[in-house]
Amino acid sequence: MGSLKKIRSIFYKKMQVPLINFLNEGMHPKKLTWAVVFGFIFGIFPVVGVTTILCVIVALTFRLNMAAIQLVNYFVYPLQLLLIVPYMKAGANLFHIEELVPLTNFTKQFSVSDLLSGFTVLTKAFAGAIIIWTVIAVISSFVIYKIIYPIFKRIVNVQNYNPV
């Protein structure tokens, strides 16, 4: 039970407080919601090392707050690492690849053809993983938006409430 409290404390300090601060500084709830959605969605992209640049491109394209989108992107990084293997397996299934990594037997002597076939298999699995991620991203982005936007809107309304 202590670890759950620790996780909540980390989430509160590292995620919730900065997001509320963005609202306190005058950011519109819709813009912040889209920054959170895109930060989350692109943060779990199945290719390690490209999420930061994807979030920068999205933030510049849609004029979203760079700090907010990167905050969420970095926060979900552990989730990205957890999801890479399932994405790769799903991508391999999508393209009917029976053996995801044919080069698992490290005791056998490699030839150029083994490396090329392994590269081809991994490329197909990554392509399938990206296709699966795209389908999940489109659906989940709207679900996440519908959940988070009312929360941010309520926070702004409560903070702007001035009883007469």
Protein backbone atom coordinates (compact mmCIF):
# COMPACT_ATOMS: atom_id res chain seq x y z
CA MET A 1 0.00 0.00 0.00
CA GLY A 2 2.95 2.33 0.64
CA SER A 3 4.09 2.07 -2.98
CA LEU A 4 0.65 3.18 -4.21
CA LYS A 5 0.89 6.29 -2.04
CA LYS A 6 4.36 6.95 -3.42
CA ILE A 7 3.10 6.63 -7.00
CA ARG A 8 0.22 9.01 -6.25
CA SER A 9 2.63 11.47 -4.69
CA ILE A 10 4.93 11.35 -7.72
CA PHE A 11 1.97 11.76 -10.08
CA TYR A 12 0.68 14.70 -8.07
CA LYS A 13 4.03 16.53 -7.88
CA LYS A 14 5.37 15.74 -11.34
CA MET A 15 2.20 15.76 -13.43
CA GLN A 16 -0.90 17.18 -11.77
CA VAL A 17 0.65 20.29 -10.22
CA PRO A 18 2.45 21.41 -13.42
CA LEU A 19 -0.71 20.87 -15.51
CA ILE A 20 -2.80 22.90 -13.08
CA ASN A 21 -0.09 25.58 -13.15
CA PHE A 22 -0.46 25.77 -16.94
CA LEU A 23 -4.17 26.47 -16.42
CA ASN A 24 -3.38 29.04 -13.70
CA GLU A 25 -1.08 30.83 -16.14
CA GLY A 26 -3.97 31.29 -18.54
CA MET A 27 -3.66 28.36 -20.92
CA HIS A 28 -7.01 27.44 -22.44
CA PRO A 29 -8.30 24.05 -21.24
CA LYS A 30 -8.77 22.83 -24.83
CA LYS A 31 -5.15 23.58 -25.75
CA LEU A 32 -3.89 21.90 -22.61
CA THR A 33 -6.12 18.90 -23.19
CA TRP A 34 -4.80 18.45 -26.73
CA ALA A 35 -1.23 18.82 -25.45
CA VAL A 36 -1.90 16.04 -22.91
CA VAL A 37 -3.60 13.84 -25.51
CA PHE A 38 -0.85 14.21 -28.10
CA GLY A 39 1.87 13.88 -25.47
CA PHE A 40 0.33 10.62 -24.31
CA ILE A 41 -0.42 9.24 -27.77
CA PHE A 42 2.97 10.06 -29.27
CA GLY A 43 4.67 9.12 -26.00
CA ILE A 44 3.68 5.49 -26.54
CA PHE A 45 4.76 5.41 -30.19
CA PRO A 46 6.32 1.96 -30.75
CA VAL A 47 9.71 3.24 -31.90
CA VAL A 48 12.06 4.34 -29.13
CA GLY A 49 13.90 7.59 -29.66
CA VAL A 50 11.48 9.45 -31.90
CA THR A 51 8.75 10.50 -29.49
CA THR A 52 10.36 13.80 -28.53
CA ILE A 53 10.72 14.96 -32.12
CA LEU A 54 7.17 13.79 -32.94
CA CYS A 55 5.84 15.83 -30.01
CA VAL A 56 7.84 18.88 -31.14
CA ILE A 57 6.38 18.60 -34.65
CA VAL A 58 2.83 18.22 -33.29
CA ALA A 59 3.27 21.11 -30.83
CA LEU A 60 4.56 23.42 -33.55
CA THR A 61 1.91 22.32 -36.05
CA PHE A 62 -1.05 22.80 -33.71
CA ARG A 63 0.49 25.62 -31.65
CA LEU A 64 0.37 23.65 -28.43
CA ASN A 65 2.44 24.33 -25.35
CA MET A 66 5.80 22.60 -25.87
CA ALA A 67 6.45 22.13 -22.16
CA ALA A 68 3.04 20.55 -21.54
CA ILE A 69 3.27 18.08 -24.40
CA GLN A 70 6.84 17.08 -23.49
CA LEU A 71 5.91 16.73 -19.80
CA VAL A 72 3.30 14.13 -20.67
CA ASN A 73 5.56 12.52 -23.29
CA TYR A 74 8.34 11.98 -20.75
CA PHE A 75 5.92 10.87 -18.05
CA VAL A 76 4.53 8.02 -20.18
CA TYR A 77 7.97 6.84 -21.31
CA PRO A 78 7.88 3.75 -19.03
CA LEU A 79 4.53 2.84 -20.59
CA GLN A 80 6.13 3.08 -24.04
CA LEU A 81 8.79 0.58 -23.00
CA LEU A 82 6.13 -1.78 -21.63
CA LEU A 83 4.08 -1.60 -24.84
CA ILE A 84 6.86 -2.10 -27.40
CA VAL A 85 6.86 -5.91 -27.19
CA PRO A 86 3.05 -6.25 -27.46
CA TYR A 87 3.05 -3.78 -30.38
CA MET A 88 5.82 -5.76 -32.11
CA LYS A 89 4.01 -9.07 -31.57
CA ALA A 90 0.76 -7.59 -32.86
CA GLY A 91 2.62 -6.12 -35.84
CA ALA A 92 4.20 -9.49 -36.55
CA ASN A 93 0.77 -11.14 -36.38
CA LEU A 94 -0.62 -8.50 -38.72
CA PHE A 95 1.90 -9.46 -41.40
CA HIS A 96 1.80 -13.18 -40.53
CA ILE A 97 5.42 -13.27 -39.39
CA GLU A 98 5.84 -16.55 -37.54
CA GLU A 99 9.24 -15.89 -36.03
CA LEU A 100 9.61 -12.30 -34.88
CA VAL A 101 13.39 -12.37 -34.56
CA PRO A 102 14.98 -15.14 -36.62
CA LEU A 103 18.44 -14.30 -35.28
CA THR A 104 17.82 -15.50 -31.72
CA ASN A 105 20.24 -18.38 -31.96
CA PHE A 106 23.44 -16.49 -31.26
CA THR A 107 25.58 -19.60 -31.37
CA LYS A 108 25.09 -20.05 -35.09
CA GLN A 109 27.45 -18.29 -37.43
CA PHE A 110 25.85 -15.29 -39.10
CA SER A 111 25.97 -14.66 -42.76
CA VAL A 112 24.89 -11.54 -44.63
CA SER A 113 21.66 -13.22 -45.71
CA ASP A 114 20.77 -13.97 -42.05
CA LEU A 115 21.23 -10.33 -41.13
CA LEU A 116 19.23 -9.12 -44.11
CA SER A 117 16.38 -11.52 -43.40
CA GLY A 118 16.39 -10.47 -39.75
CA PHE A 119 16.31 -6.81 -40.75
CA THR A 120 13.41 -7.51 -43.12
CA VAL A 121 11.44 -9.31 -40.41
CA LEU A 122 12.02 -6.50 -37.90
CA THR A 123 11.08 -3.86 -40.46
CA LYS A 124 7.80 -5.64 -41.18
CA ALA A 125 7.11 -6.08 -37.46
CA PHE A 126 7.79 -2.37 -36.82
CA ALA A 127 5.56 -1.40 -39.74
CA GLY A 128 2.79 -3.57 -38.33
CA ALA A 129 3.35 -2.12 -34.86
CA ILE A 130 3.00 1.41 -36.23
CA ILE A 131 -0.22 0.45 -38.04
CA ILE A 132 -1.64 -1.05 -34.84
CA TRP A 133 -0.51 2.02 -32.85
CA THR A 134 -2.22 4.32 -35.38
CA VAL A 135 -5.56 2.55 -34.99
CA ILE A 136 -5.29 2.59 -31.20
CA ALA A 137 -4.11 6.22 -31.20
CA VAL A 138 -7.03 7.51 -33.24
CA ILE A 139 -9.61 5.83 -31.05
CA SER A 140 -7.96 6.50 -27.70
CA SER A 141 -7.17 10.14 -28.45
CA PHE A 142 -10.85 11.02 -28.57
CA VAL A 143 -11.59 8.95 -25.47
CA ILE A 144 -8.77 10.65 -23.55
CA TYR A 145 -9.96 14.07 -24.75
CA LYS A 146 -13.54 13.38 -23.62
CA ILE A 147 -12.28 12.38 -20.17
CA ILE A 148 -9.68 15.11 -19.57
CA TYR A 149 -11.29 18.21 -21.11
CA PRO A 150 -14.21 18.39 -18.64
CA ILE A 151 -11.74 18.05 -15.76
CA PHE A 152 -9.58 20.94 -16.99
CA LYS A 153 -12.66 23.01 -17.76
CA ARG A 154 -14.01 22.40 -14.25
CA ILE A 155 -10.66 23.41 -12.70
CA VAL A 156 -10.73 26.71 -14.62
CA ASN A 157 -14.38 27.34 -13.70
CA VAL A 158 -13.72 26.70 -10.00
CA GLN A 159 -10.69 28.99 -10.02
CA ASN A 160 -12.63 31.75 -11.80
CA TYR A 161 -15.60 31.46 -9.44
CA ASN A 162 -16.08 34.75 -7.61
CA PRO A 163 -19.04 34.71 -5.22
CA VAL A 164 -20.83 38.03 -4.96
